[in-house]
């Protein structure tokens, strides 16, 4: 059974209210905490109630497209007094306050309360019912903002320490700006095709790229994208033994969502890949990007091979890479 949905993610999100930043004039310290980690600050009474369960369950839901269940985020809890003393610089913070002294339910936000680029959210409500209602209205907003911040942090590191040879190839030959971290090497490059990967003794993180001329909007049909990928993968990405090759697994569930990447329409897919006639497999994320000015479709795929071990953060790193793709305008084009 395939899971296919259509959802356009807004690139600009509205927050109910912003704090004034008294520390904005200072040079704030760096954030602490692991990527894709959320710190919830509340009393034990709130955390151990239905309110706490609602927050835990939402952010701990399994991330779609992985071979084994892994939580979307790792959720930690701390009391307000300990937050101020020990973890005030955590990268992603959701503070929860409930009391009769609060006039109305609201979500407050600040980027950089105690540390650079810290994502800080404050949920306030008079009682538990009001808080649960507020969280239900704002939960996807909070999630998307945290995901955007995590991706931004990754890309800042990729910009400082790039895989220069691969990045230059994309720019010079294909007119594409892409942020790829050092460690990625070029495995294969042919007409309209690039395969690059970062290899260790334990795992592999790979990038597949190719492009087609834009002929018809029907090329963005999910099945057509899948068929095109499987055609290219079979031709260009061999497996470890003779008569084996990489392919997208169409038996396991996969998703396909519409989105906008740097003003370009795109289809983003998640699911599993495997090696035909072998036992290798893992998760993938794909972007099929409409580059209308250049009359082409850009196909970019990130994949992970890391048997048994957790793969969420690796997939997020590859997703950040393929989401960073920006296309140059044709020579002589005007705005």
C-alpha atoms as a PDB file:
ATOM      1  CA  UNK A   1       0.000   0.000   0.000  1.00  0.00           C
ATOM      2  CA  UNK A   2       1.403   3.380  -0.986  1.00  0.00           C
ATOM      3  CA  UNK A   3       0.930   6.504   1.070  1.00  0.00           C
ATOM      4  CA  UNK A   4       0.735   9.550  -1.204  1.00  0.00           C
ATOM      5  CA  UNK A   5      -0.248  12.999  -0.007  1.00  0.00           C
ATOM      6  CA  UNK A   6      -0.111  16.510  -1.431  1.00  0.00           C
ATOM      7  CA  UNK A   7       1.073  19.324   0.799  1.00  0.00           C
ATOM      8  CA  UNK A   8       2.716  22.636   0.019  1.00  0.00           C
ATOM      9  CA  UNK A   9       4.926  23.792   2.880  1.00  0.00           C
ATOM     10  CA  UNK A  10       4.998  27.530   3.423  1.00  0.00           C
ATOM     11  CA  UNK A  11       8.493  28.968   3.457  1.00  0.00           C
ATOM     12  CA  UNK A  12       7.469  31.845   5.718  1.00  0.00           C
ATOM     13  CA  UNK A  13       5.705  31.010   8.978  1.00  0.00           C
ATOM     14  CA  UNK A  14       3.779  33.350  11.243  1.00  0.00           C
ATOM     15  CA  UNK A  15       4.272  33.319  14.983  1.00  0.00           C
ATOM     16  CA  UNK A  16       1.694  34.720  17.384  1.00  0.00           C
ATOM     17  CA  UNK A  17       4.121  36.990  19.180  1.00  0.00           C
ATOM     18  CA  UNK A  18       7.842  37.799  19.404  1.00  0.00           C
ATOM     19  CA  UNK A  19       9.854  38.583  22.478  1.00  0.00           C
ATOM     20  CA  UNK A  20      12.002  41.667  22.576  1.00  0.00           C
ATOM     21  CA  UNK A  21      15.593  40.471  22.763  1.00  0.00           C
ATOM     22  CA  UNK A  22      17.504  42.244  25.503  1.00  0.00           C
ATOM     23  CA  UNK A  23      20.497  40.038  24.853  1.00  0.00           C
ATOM     24  CA  UNK A  24      20.538  40.931  21.171  1.00  0.00           C
ATOM     25  CA  UNK A  25      23.292  43.471  21.792  1.00  0.00           C
ATOM     26  CA  UNK A  26      25.545  40.764  23.258  1.00  0.00           C
ATOM     27  CA  UNK A  27      27.505  38.090  21.461  1.00  0.00           C
ATOM     28  CA  UNK A  28      25.515  35.037  22.483  1.00  0.00           C
ATOM     29  CA  UNK A  29      27.233  31.687  23.191  1.00  0.00           C
ATOM     30  CA  UNK A  30      26.795  28.661  20.955  1.00  0.00           C
ATOM     31  CA  UNK A  31      23.954  26.199  21.385  1.00  0.00           C
ATOM     32  CA  UNK A  32      24.255  22.860  23.162  1.00  0.00           C
ATOM     33  CA  UNK A  33      22.422  19.574  22.635  1.00  0.00           C
ATOM     34  CA  UNK A  34      22.351  16.975  19.882  1.00  0.00           C
ATOM     35  CA  UNK A  35      20.736  17.558  16.465  1.00  0.00           C
ATOM     36  CA  UNK A  36      16.996  16.769  16.305  1.00  0.00           C
ATOM     37  CA  UNK A  37      16.695  17.012  20.076  1.00  0.00           C
ATOM     38  CA  UNK A  38      13.947  19.003  21.825  1.00  0.00           C
ATOM     39  CA  UNK A  39      14.065  20.102  25.457  1.00  0.00           C
ATOM     40  CA  UNK A  40      10.667  20.555  27.106  1.00  0.00           C
ATOM     41  CA  UNK A  41      10.753  22.849  30.149  1.00  0.00           C
ATOM     42  CA  UNK A  42       7.850  22.401  32.556  1.00  0.00           C
ATOM     43  CA  UNK A  43       6.914  21.346  36.056  1.00  0.00           C
ATOM     44  CA  UNK A  44       6.809  17.624  36.765  1.00  0.00           C
ATOM     45  CA  UNK A  45       3.050  17.962  37.276  1.00  0.00           C
ATOM     46  CA  UNK A  46       2.585  19.161  33.699  1.00  0.00           C
ATOM     47  CA  UNK A  47       5.056  16.654  32.245  1.00  0.00           C
ATOM     48  CA  UNK A  48       3.425  13.669  33.950  1.00  0.00           C
ATOM     49  CA  UNK A  49      -0.102  14.671  32.908  1.00  0.00           C
ATOM     50  CA  UNK A  50      -2.081  14.381  29.670  1.00  0.00           C
ATOM     51  CA  UNK A  51      -0.505  17.678  28.614  1.00  0.00           C
ATOM     52  CA  UNK A  52       2.974  16.198  28.770  1.00  0.00           C
ATOM     53  CA  UNK A  53       1.832  13.016  27.041  1.00  0.00           C
ATOM     54  CA  UNK A  54       0.374  15.060  24.166  1.00  0.00           C
ATOM     55  CA  UNK A  55       3.690  16.844  23.571  1.00  0.00           C
ATOM     56  CA  UNK A  56       5.795  13.680  23.972  1.00  0.00           C
ATOM     57  CA  UNK A  57       3.615  11.617  21.650  1.00  0.00           C
ATOM     58  CA  UNK A  58       3.595  14.207  18.865  1.00  0.00           C
ATOM     59  CA  UNK A  59       7.342  14.800  18.681  1.00  0.00           C
ATOM     60  CA  UNK A  60       8.236  11.148  19.353  1.00  0.00           C
ATOM     61  CA  UNK A  61       6.169   9.805  16.455  1.00  0.00           C
ATOM     62  CA  UNK A  62       8.232   7.545  14.157  1.00  0.00           C
ATOM     63  CA  UNK A  63       9.807   9.378  11.227  1.00  0.00           C
ATOM     64  CA  UNK A  64       8.325   8.095   7.988  1.00  0.00           C
ATOM     65  CA  UNK A  65      10.557   6.355   5.459  1.00  0.00           C
ATOM     66  CA  UNK A  66      13.004   4.547   7.756  1.00  0.00           C
ATOM     67  CA  UNK A  67      13.415   0.749   7.845  1.00  0.00           C
ATOM     68  CA  UNK A  68      12.951   0.627  11.630  1.00  0.00           C
ATOM     69  CA  UNK A  69      11.031   2.938  13.956  1.00  0.00           C
ATOM     70  CA  UNK A  70      12.996   6.026  14.981  1.00  0.00           C
ATOM     71  CA  UNK A  71      11.416   9.008  16.713  1.00  0.00           C
ATOM     72  CA  UNK A  72      11.096  12.201  14.681  1.00  0.00           C
ATOM     73  CA  UNK A  73      12.836  13.987  17.574  1.00  0.00           C
ATOM     74  CA  UNK A  74      14.471  12.941  20.817  1.00  0.00           C
ATOM     75  CA  UNK A  75      12.408  14.619  23.543  1.00  0.00           C
ATOM     76  CA  UNK A  76      13.989  15.531  26.894  1.00  0.00           C
ATOM     77  CA  UNK A  77      12.374  17.099  29.956  1.00  0.00           C
ATOM     78  CA  UNK A  78      13.698  19.426  32.629  1.00  0.00           C
ATOM     79  CA  UNK A  79      12.174  21.557  35.373  1.00  0.00           C
ATOM     80  CA  UNK A  80      12.322  25.371  34.972  1.00  0.00           C
ATOM     81  CA  UNK A  81      14.835  25.843  37.806  1.00  0.00           C
ATOM     82  CA  UNK A  82      17.265  23.346  36.282  1.00  0.00           C
ATOM     83  CA  UNK A  83      16.788  24.854  32.823  1.00  0.00           C
ATOM     84  CA  UNK A  84      18.109  28.208  33.976  1.00  0.00           C
ATOM     85  CA  UNK A  85      21.085  26.634  35.771  1.00  0.00           C
ATOM     86  CA  UNK A  86      22.152  23.900  33.358  1.00  0.00           C
ATOM     87  CA  UNK A  87      20.518  23.754  29.928  1.00  0.00           C
ATOM     88  CA  UNK A  88      19.490  27.306  29.126  1.00  0.00           C
ATOM     89  CA  UNK A  89      21.519  27.174  25.885  1.00  0.00           C
ATOM     90  CA  UNK A  90      19.831  24.082  24.462  1.00  0.00           C
ATOM     91  CA  UNK A  91      19.267  24.271  20.684  1.00  0.00           C
ATOM     92  CA  UNK A  92      15.469  23.638  20.649  1.00  0.00           C
ATOM     93  CA  UNK A  93      13.382  24.587  23.683  1.00  0.00           C
ATOM     94  CA  UNK A  94       9.646  24.366  24.320  1.00  0.00           C
ATOM     95  CA  UNK A  95       8.660  25.874  27.663  1.00  0.00           C
ATOM     96  CA  UNK A  96       5.166  25.214  29.011  1.00  0.00           C
ATOM     97  CA  UNK A  97       3.376  27.377  31.594  1.00  0.00           C
ATOM     98  CA  UNK A  98      -0.129  26.771  32.927  1.00  0.00           C
ATOM     99  CA  UNK A  99      -1.911  28.872  35.549  1.00  0.00           C
ATOM    100  CA  UNK A 100      -4.904  31.038  36.337  1.00  0.00           C
ATOM    101  CA  UNK A 101      -2.645  34.095  36.175  1.00  0.00           C
ATOM    102  CA  UNK A 102      -2.385  33.719  32.374  1.00  0.00           C
ATOM    103  CA  UNK A 103      -4.956  35.862  30.581  1.00  0.00           C
ATOM    104  CA  UNK A 104      -5.213  33.873  27.355  1.00  0.00           C
ATOM    105  CA  UNK A 105      -3.578  30.974  25.552  1.00  0.00           C
ATOM    106  CA  UNK A 106      -0.669  32.021  23.357  1.00  0.00           C
ATOM    107  CA  UNK A 107       2.503  30.861  21.669  1.00  0.00           C
ATOM    108  CA  UNK A 108       5.549  33.101  22.030  1.00  0.00           C
ATOM    109  CA  UNK A 109       8.761  32.599  20.077  1.00  0.00           C
ATOM    110  CA  UNK A 110      12.310  33.875  20.011  1.00  0.00           C
ATOM    111  CA  UNK A 111      15.312  32.979  17.901  1.00  0.00           C
ATOM    112  CA  UNK A 112      18.289  33.250  20.235  1.00  0.00           C
ATOM    113  CA  UNK A 113      16.990  33.658  23.778  1.00  0.00           C
ATOM    114  CA  UNK A 114      20.117  32.355  25.525  1.00  0.00           C
ATOM    115  CA  UNK A 115      22.289  31.119  22.617  1.00  0.00           C
ATOM    116  CA  UNK A 116      22.905  31.813  18.932  1.00  0.00           C
ATOM    117  CA  UNK A 117      20.125  30.481  16.724  1.00  0.00           C
ATOM    118  CA  UNK A 118      18.373  28.859  19.660  1.00  0.00           C
ATOM    119  CA  UNK A 119      14.762  28.026  18.841  1.00  0.00           C
ATOM    120  CA  UNK A 120      12.726  28.990  21.905  1.00  0.00           C
ATOM    121  CA  UNK A 121       8.954  28.520  22.146  1.00  0.00           C
ATOM    122  CA  UNK A 122       6.764  29.421  25.120  1.00  0.00           C
ATOM    123  CA  UNK A 123       3.292  27.880  25.380  1.00  0.00           C
ATOM    124  CA  UNK A 124       1.030  29.584  27.917  1.00  0.00           C
ATOM    125  CA  UNK A 125      -2.528  28.665  28.917  1.00  0.00           C
ATOM    126  CA  UNK A 126      -4.914  28.980  31.866  1.00  0.00           C
ATOM    127  CA  UNK A 127      -5.607  25.250  32.160  1.00  0.00           C
ATOM    128  CA  UNK A 128      -4.784  21.885  30.613  1.00  0.00           C
ATOM    129  CA  UNK A 129      -7.718  21.849  28.166  1.00  0.00           C
ATOM    130  CA  UNK A 130      -6.719  25.254  26.799  1.00  0.00           C
ATOM    131  CA  UNK A 131      -3.078  24.186  26.517  1.00  0.00           C
ATOM    132  CA  UNK A 132      -3.887  20.974  24.645  1.00  0.00           C
ATOM    133  CA  UNK A 133      -6.073  22.948  22.233  1.00  0.00           C
ATOM    134  CA  UNK A 134      -3.297  25.523  21.685  1.00  0.00           C
ATOM    135  CA  UNK A 135      -0.680  22.839  21.097  1.00  0.00           C
ATOM    136  CA  UNK A 136      -2.943  21.073  18.611  1.00  0.00           C
ATOM    137  CA  UNK A 137      -3.198  24.305  16.612  1.00  0.00           C
ATOM    138  CA  UNK A 138       0.531  25.117  16.709  1.00  0.00           C
ATOM    139  CA  UNK A 139       2.312  21.752  16.805  1.00  0.00           C
ATOM    140  CA  UNK A 140       3.052  21.510  13.063  1.00  0.00           C
ATOM    141  CA  UNK A 141       4.239  25.123  13.036  1.00  0.00           C
ATOM    142  CA  UNK A 142       6.692  24.449  15.873  1.00  0.00           C
ATOM    143  CA  UNK A 143       7.896  21.252  14.202  1.00  0.00           C
ATOM    144  CA  UNK A 144       8.510  22.911  10.834  1.00  0.00           C
ATOM    145  CA  UNK A 145      10.406  25.801  12.396  1.00  0.00           C
ATOM    146  CA  UNK A 146      12.661  23.427  14.331  1.00  0.00           C
ATOM    147  CA  UNK A 147      13.289  21.355  11.195  1.00  0.00           C
ATOM    148  CA  UNK A 148      14.155  24.498   9.218  1.00  0.00           C
ATOM    149  CA  UNK A 149      16.552  25.609  11.972  1.00  0.00           C
ATOM    150  CA  UNK A 150      18.246  22.196  12.071  1.00  0.00           C
ATOM    151  CA  UNK A 151      18.659  22.241   8.290  1.00  0.00           C
ATOM    152  CA  UNK A 152      20.088  25.772   8.410  1.00  0.00           C
ATOM    153  CA  UNK A 153      22.638  24.689  11.021  1.00  0.00           C
ATOM    154  CA  UNK A 154      23.742  21.773   8.857  1.00  0.00           C
ATOM    155  CA  UNK A 155      24.101  23.912   5.741  1.00  0.00           C
ATOM    156  CA  UNK A 156      26.189  26.498   7.575  1.00  0.00           C
ATOM    157  CA  UNK A 157      28.680  23.732   8.364  1.00  0.00           C
ATOM    158  CA  UNK A 158      28.602  22.433   4.785  1.00  0.00           C
ATOM    159  CA  UNK A 159      29.379  25.937   3.531  1.00  0.00           C
ATOM    160  CA  UNK A 160      32.411  26.279   5.813  1.00  0.00           C
ATOM    161  CA  UNK A 161      33.831  22.859   4.918  1.00  0.00           C
ATOM    162  CA  UNK A 162      32.619  21.906   1.428  1.00  0.00           C
ATOM    163  CA  UNK A 163      33.452  18.997  -0.858  1.00  0.00           C
ATOM    164  CA  UNK A 164      35.092  21.445  -3.258  1.00  0.00           C
ATOM    165  CA  UNK A 165      35.556  19.168  -6.254  1.00  0.00           C
ATOM    166  CA  UNK A 166      31.970  17.888  -6.281  1.00  0.00           C
ATOM    167  CA  UNK A 167      30.459  21.311  -5.579  1.00  0.00           C
ATOM    168  CA  UNK A 168      32.488  22.829  -8.410  1.00  0.00           C
ATOM    169  CA  UNK A 169      31.315  20.118 -10.825  1.00  0.00           C
ATOM    170  CA  UNK A 170      27.671  20.935 -10.135  1.00  0.00           C
ATOM    171  CA  UNK A 171      28.250  24.647 -10.642  1.00  0.00           C
ATOM    172  CA  UNK A 172      30.544  24.555 -13.670  1.00  0.00           C
ATOM    173  CA  UNK A 173      28.814  21.825 -15.673  1.00  0.00           C
ATOM    174  CA  UNK A 174      25.180  22.042 -14.590  1.00  0.00           C
ATOM    175  CA  UNK A 175      24.692  25.608 -13.342  1.00  0.00           C
ATOM    176  CA  UNK A 176      23.597  24.345  -9.923  1.00  0.00           C
ATOM    177  CA  UNK A 177      24.584  25.650  -6.514  1.00  0.00           C
ATOM    178  CA  UNK A 178      24.586  22.893  -3.906  1.00  0.00           C
ATOM    179  CA  UNK A 179      26.042  22.585  -0.421  1.00  0.00           C
ATOM    180  CA  UNK A 180      27.893  19.288   0.082  1.00  0.00           C
ATOM    181  CA  UNK A 181      30.214  18.702   3.061  1.00  0.00           C
ATOM    182  CA  UNK A 182      33.795  17.546   2.770  1.00  0.00           C
ATOM    183  CA  UNK A 183      34.234  13.790   2.749  1.00  0.00           C
ATOM    184  CA  UNK A 184      31.987  13.231  -0.257  1.00  0.00           C
ATOM    185  CA  UNK A 185      33.905  11.892  -3.245  1.00  0.00           C
ATOM    186  CA  UNK A 186      32.979  11.496  -6.886  1.00  0.00           C
ATOM    187  CA  UNK A 187      32.177   7.870  -7.769  1.00  0.00           C
ATOM    188  CA  UNK A 188      30.853   8.384 -11.290  1.00  0.00           C
ATOM    189  CA  UNK A 189      30.170  11.285 -13.609  1.00  0.00           C
ATOM    190  CA  UNK A 190      28.781  10.997 -17.109  1.00  0.00           C
ATOM    191  CA  UNK A 191      26.475  12.970 -19.344  1.00  0.00           C
ATOM    192  CA  UNK A 192      23.724  14.376 -17.079  1.00  0.00           C
ATOM    193  CA  UNK A 193      24.627  12.042 -14.199  1.00  0.00           C
ATOM    194  CA  UNK A 194      26.596  12.333 -10.917  1.00  0.00           C
ATOM    195  CA  UNK A 195      27.078   9.753  -8.159  1.00  0.00           C
ATOM    196  CA  UNK A 196      28.927  10.930  -5.054  1.00  0.00           C
ATOM    197  CA  UNK A 197      29.245   9.333  -1.643  1.00  0.00           C
ATOM    198  CA  UNK A 198      30.866   9.441   1.768  1.00  0.00           C
ATOM    199  CA  UNK A 199      32.136   5.985   2.701  1.00  0.00           C
ATOM    200  CA  UNK A 200      33.332   4.577   6.018  1.00  0.00           C
ATOM    201  CA  UNK A 201      33.874   1.028   7.249  1.00  0.00           C
ATOM    202  CA  UNK A 202      30.461   1.133   8.947  1.00  0.00           C
ATOM    203  CA  UNK A 203      28.151   3.132   6.685  1.00  0.00           C
ATOM    204  CA  UNK A 204      27.618   4.837   3.358  1.00  0.00           C
ATOM    205  CA  UNK A 205      25.875   8.130   2.604  1.00  0.00           C
ATOM    206  CA  UNK A 206      25.284   8.739  -1.090  1.00  0.00           C
ATOM    207  CA  UNK A 207      23.989  11.330  -3.535  1.00  0.00           C
ATOM    208  CA  UNK A 208      22.538  10.570  -6.962  1.00  0.00           C
ATOM    209  CA  UNK A 209      21.875  13.353  -9.486  1.00  0.00           C
ATOM    210  CA  UNK A 210      20.595  13.447 -13.035  1.00  0.00           C
ATOM    211  CA  UNK A 211      18.518  15.745 -15.198  1.00  0.00           C
ATOM    212  CA  UNK A 212      16.001  15.509 -18.045  1.00  0.00           C
ATOM    213  CA  UNK A 213      14.588  18.026 -20.479  1.00  0.00           C
ATOM    214  CA  UNK A 214      11.198  19.345 -19.443  1.00  0.00           C
ATOM    215  CA  UNK A 215       8.670  17.967 -21.912  1.00  0.00           C
ATOM    216  CA  UNK A 216       5.395  17.769 -20.013  1.00  0.00           C
ATOM    217  CA  UNK A 217       4.090  18.375 -16.493  1.00  0.00           C
ATOM    218  CA  UNK A 218       3.115  14.682 -16.463  1.00  0.00           C
ATOM    219  CA  UNK A 219       6.810  13.986 -15.772  1.00  0.00           C
ATOM    220  CA  UNK A 220       5.979  14.918 -12.169  1.00  0.00           C
ATOM    221  CA  UNK A 221       3.605  11.989 -11.817  1.00  0.00           C
ATOM    222  CA  UNK A 222       4.901   9.883  -8.922  1.00  0.00           C
ATOM    223  CA  UNK A 223       5.005   6.632 -10.867  1.00  0.00           C
ATOM    224  CA  UNK A 224       6.860   8.292 -13.736  1.00  0.00           C
ATOM    225  CA  UNK A 225       9.447   9.653 -11.287  1.00  0.00           C
ATOM    226  CA  UNK A 226       9.880   6.194  -9.771  1.00  0.00           C
ATOM    227  CA  UNK A 227      10.234   4.530 -13.173  1.00  0.00           C
ATOM    228  CA  UNK A 228      12.771   7.124 -14.301  1.00  0.00           C
ATOM    229  CA  UNK A 229      14.862   6.660 -11.167  1.00  0.00           C
ATOM    230  CA  UNK A 230      14.845   2.886 -11.492  1.00  0.00           C
ATOM    231  CA  UNK A 231      15.927   3.164 -15.122  1.00  0.00           C
ATOM    232  CA  UNK A 232      18.848   5.451 -14.241  1.00  0.00           C
ATOM    233  CA  UNK A 233      19.858   3.512 -11.117  1.00  0.00           C
ATOM    234  CA  UNK A 234      19.961   0.200 -12.970  1.00  0.00           C
ATOM    235  CA  UNK A 235      22.206   1.708 -15.637  1.00  0.00           C
ATOM    236  CA  UNK A 236      24.563   3.620 -13.338  1.00  0.00           C
ATOM    237  CA  UNK A 237      24.652   2.224  -9.772  1.00  0.00           C
ATOM    238  CA  UNK A 238      25.783  -1.426  -9.681  1.00  0.00           C
ATOM    239  CA  UNK A 239      25.561  -3.604  -6.593  1.00  0.00           C
ATOM    240  CA  UNK A 240      28.425  -5.536  -4.986  1.00  0.00           C
ATOM    241  CA  UNK A 241      28.006  -8.655  -7.143  1.00  0.00           C
ATOM    242  CA  UNK A 242      27.429  -9.294 -10.843  1.00  0.00           C
ATOM    243  CA  UNK A 243      23.871  -8.717 -12.088  1.00  0.00           C
ATOM    244  CA  UNK A 244      22.952  -6.582  -9.063  1.00  0.00           C
ATOM    245  CA  UNK A 245      21.939  -2.916  -9.012  1.00  0.00           C
ATOM    246  CA  UNK A 246      20.255  -0.282  -6.880  1.00  0.00           C
ATOM    247  CA  UNK A 247      16.473   0.190  -7.169  1.00  0.00           C
ATOM    248  CA  UNK A 248      13.632   1.946  -5.349  1.00  0.00           C
ATOM    249  CA  UNK A 249      11.497  -0.395  -3.251  1.00  0.00           C
ATOM    250  CA  UNK A 250       7.922   0.032  -4.442  1.00  0.00           C
ATOM    251  CA  UNK A 251       6.459  -2.716  -2.230  1.00  0.00           C
ATOM    252  CA  UNK A 252       7.157  -0.893   1.044  1.00  0.00           C
ATOM    253  CA  UNK A 253       5.175   2.288   1.822  1.00  0.00           C
ATOM    254  CA  UNK A 254       6.555   5.545   0.424  1.00  0.00           C
ATOM    255  CA  UNK A 255       5.403   9.157   0.435  1.00  0.00           C
ATOM    256  CA  UNK A 256       5.278  11.884  -2.200  1.00  0.00           C
ATOM    257  CA  UNK A 257       4.645  15.513  -1.253  1.00  0.00           C
ATOM    258  CA  UNK A 258       4.586  18.751  -3.181  1.00  0.00           C
ATOM    259  CA  UNK A 259       6.841  21.536  -1.906  1.00  0.00           C
ATOM    260  CA  UNK A 260       8.686  24.705  -2.967  1.00  0.00           C
ATOM    261  CA  UNK A 261      12.498  24.784  -2.952  1.00  0.00           C
ATOM    262  CA  UNK A 262      14.107  28.162  -3.584  1.00  0.00           C
ATOM    263  CA  UNK A 263      11.098  29.291  -5.661  1.00  0.00           C
ATOM    264  CA  UNK A 264      11.077  26.064  -7.684  1.00  0.00           C
ATOM    265  CA  UNK A 265       8.180  23.600  -7.582  1.00  0.00           C
ATOM    266  CA  UNK A 266       9.273  20.132  -6.484  1.00  0.00           C
ATOM    267  CA  UNK A 267       8.062  16.680  -5.507  1.00  0.00           C
ATOM    268  CA  UNK A 268       9.763  15.216  -2.438  1.00  0.00           C
ATOM    269  CA  UNK A 269       9.627  11.452  -1.901  1.00  0.00           C
ATOM    270  CA  UNK A 270      10.659   9.223   0.997  1.00  0.00           C
ATOM    271  CA  UNK A 271      10.925   5.471   1.136  1.00  0.00           C
ATOM    272  CA  UNK A 272      13.294   2.539   0.934  1.00  0.00           C
ATOM    273  CA  UNK A 273      15.808   1.388  -1.685  1.00  0.00           C
ATOM    274  CA  UNK A 274      17.308  -2.051  -2.123  1.00  0.00           C
ATOM    275  CA  UNK A 275      19.856  -3.836  -4.302  1.00  0.00           C
ATOM    276  CA  UNK A 276      18.341  -6.208  -6.825  1.00  0.00           C
ATOM    277  CA  UNK A 277      19.759  -9.755  -6.406  1.00  0.00           C
ATOM    278  CA  UNK A 278      21.457  -8.837  -3.125  1.00  0.00           C
ATOM    279  CA  UNK A 279      20.565  -8.029   0.487  1.00  0.00           C
ATOM    280  CA  UNK A 280      21.582  -4.366   0.775  1.00  0.00           C
ATOM    281  CA  UNK A 281      18.830  -1.831   1.559  1.00  0.00           C
ATOM    282  CA  UNK A 282      18.151   1.441   3.357  1.00  0.00           C
ATOM    283  CA  UNK A 283      16.190   4.718   3.332  1.00  0.00           C
ATOM    284  CA  UNK A 284      16.159   7.417   0.653  1.00  0.00           C
ATOM    285  CA  UNK A 285      14.874  10.935   0.161  1.00  0.00           C
ATOM    286  CA  UNK A 286      14.306  12.296  -3.350  1.00  0.00           C
ATOM    287  CA  UNK A 287      13.642  15.731  -4.838  1.00  0.00           C
ATOM    288  CA  UNK A 288      12.307  16.097  -8.388  1.00  0.00           C
ATOM    289  CA  UNK A 289      12.711  19.826  -9.066  1.00  0.00           C
ATOM    290  CA  UNK A 290      11.106  21.868 -11.815  1.00  0.00           C
ATOM    291  CA  UNK A 291      13.719  24.259 -13.249  1.00  0.00           C
ATOM    292  CA  UNK A 292      11.371  26.068 -15.606  1.00  0.00           C
ATOM    293  CA  UNK A 293      13.773  28.828 -16.764  1.00  0.00           C
ATOM    294  CA  UNK A 294      16.245  26.170 -17.937  1.00  0.00           C
ATOM    295  CA  UNK A 295      13.495  23.863 -19.251  1.00  0.00           C
ATOM    296  CA  UNK A 296      14.692  20.875 -17.277  1.00  0.00           C
ATOM    297  CA  UNK A 297      13.842  18.591 -14.375  1.00  0.00           C
ATOM    298  CA  UNK A 298      16.525  18.042 -11.748  1.00  0.00           C
ATOM    299  CA  UNK A 299      16.441  14.722  -9.917  1.00  0.00           C
ATOM    300  CA  UNK A 300      18.401  14.468  -6.657  1.00  0.00           C
ATOM    301  CA  UNK A 301      18.472  11.523  -4.263  1.00  0.00           C
ATOM    302  CA  UNK A 302      20.156  10.968  -0.924  1.00  0.00           C
ATOM    303  CA  UNK A 303      20.491   7.444   0.433  1.00  0.00           C
ATOM    304  CA  UNK A 304      21.905   5.748   3.532  1.00  0.00           C
ATOM    305  CA  UNK A 305      23.319   2.267   4.039  1.00  0.00           C
ATOM    306  CA  UNK A 306      23.942   1.535   7.728  1.00  0.00           C
ATOM    307  CA  UNK A 307      22.627  -1.919   8.656  1.00  0.00           C
ATOM    308  CA  UNK A 308      20.724  -2.197  11.968  1.00  0.00           C
ATOM    309  CA  UNK A 309      21.898   1.210  13.258  1.00  0.00           C
ATOM    310  CA  UNK A 310      19.840   4.430  13.607  1.00  0.00           C
ATOM    311  CA  UNK A 311      19.656   6.418  10.379  1.00  0.00           C
ATOM    312  CA  UNK A 312      17.395   9.407  11.109  1.00  0.00           C
ATOM    313  CA  UNK A 313      20.134  12.003  11.454  1.00  0.00           C
ATOM    314  CA  UNK A 314      21.956  10.716   8.358  1.00  0.00           C
ATOM    315  CA  UNK A 315      18.798  11.037   6.265  1.00  0.00           C
ATOM    316  CA  UNK A 316      18.280  14.565   7.594  1.00  0.00           C
ATOM    317  CA  UNK A 317      21.836  15.493   6.564  1.00  0.00           C
ATOM    318  CA  UNK A 318      21.251  14.244   3.025  1.00  0.00           C
ATOM    319  CA  UNK A 319      17.862  15.947   2.880  1.00  0.00           C
ATOM    320  CA  UNK A 320      19.556  19.246   3.757  1.00  0.00           C
ATOM    321  CA  UNK A 321      21.998  18.723   0.869  1.00  0.00           C
ATOM    322  CA  UNK A 322      19.369  18.077  -1.803  1.00  0.00           C
ATOM    323  CA  UNK A 323      17.150  20.853  -0.399  1.00  0.00           C
ATOM    324  CA  UNK A 324      20.052  23.300  -0.845  1.00  0.00           C
ATOM    325  CA  UNK A 325      19.945  23.021  -4.659  1.00  0.00           C
ATOM    326  CA  UNK A 326      19.607  26.407  -6.364  1.00  0.00           C
ATOM    327  CA  UNK A 327      19.487  26.819 -10.107  1.00  0.00           C
ATOM    328  CA  UNK A 328      21.179  29.536 -12.121  1.00  0.00           C
ATOM    329  CA  UNK A 329      19.168  31.500 -14.652  1.00  0.00           C
ATOM    330  CA  UNK A 330      19.997  31.000 -18.325  1.00  0.00           C
ATOM    331  CA  UNK A 331      22.552  33.422 -19.714  1.00  0.00           C
ATOM    332  CA  UNK A 332      20.858  36.578 -20.914  1.00  0.00           C
ATOM    333  CA  UNK A 333      17.722  35.985 -18.833  1.00  0.00           C
ATOM    334  CA  UNK A 334      16.218  38.943 -16.996  1.00  0.00           C
ATOM    335  CA  UNK A 335      13.995  39.091 -13.926  1.00  0.00           C
END
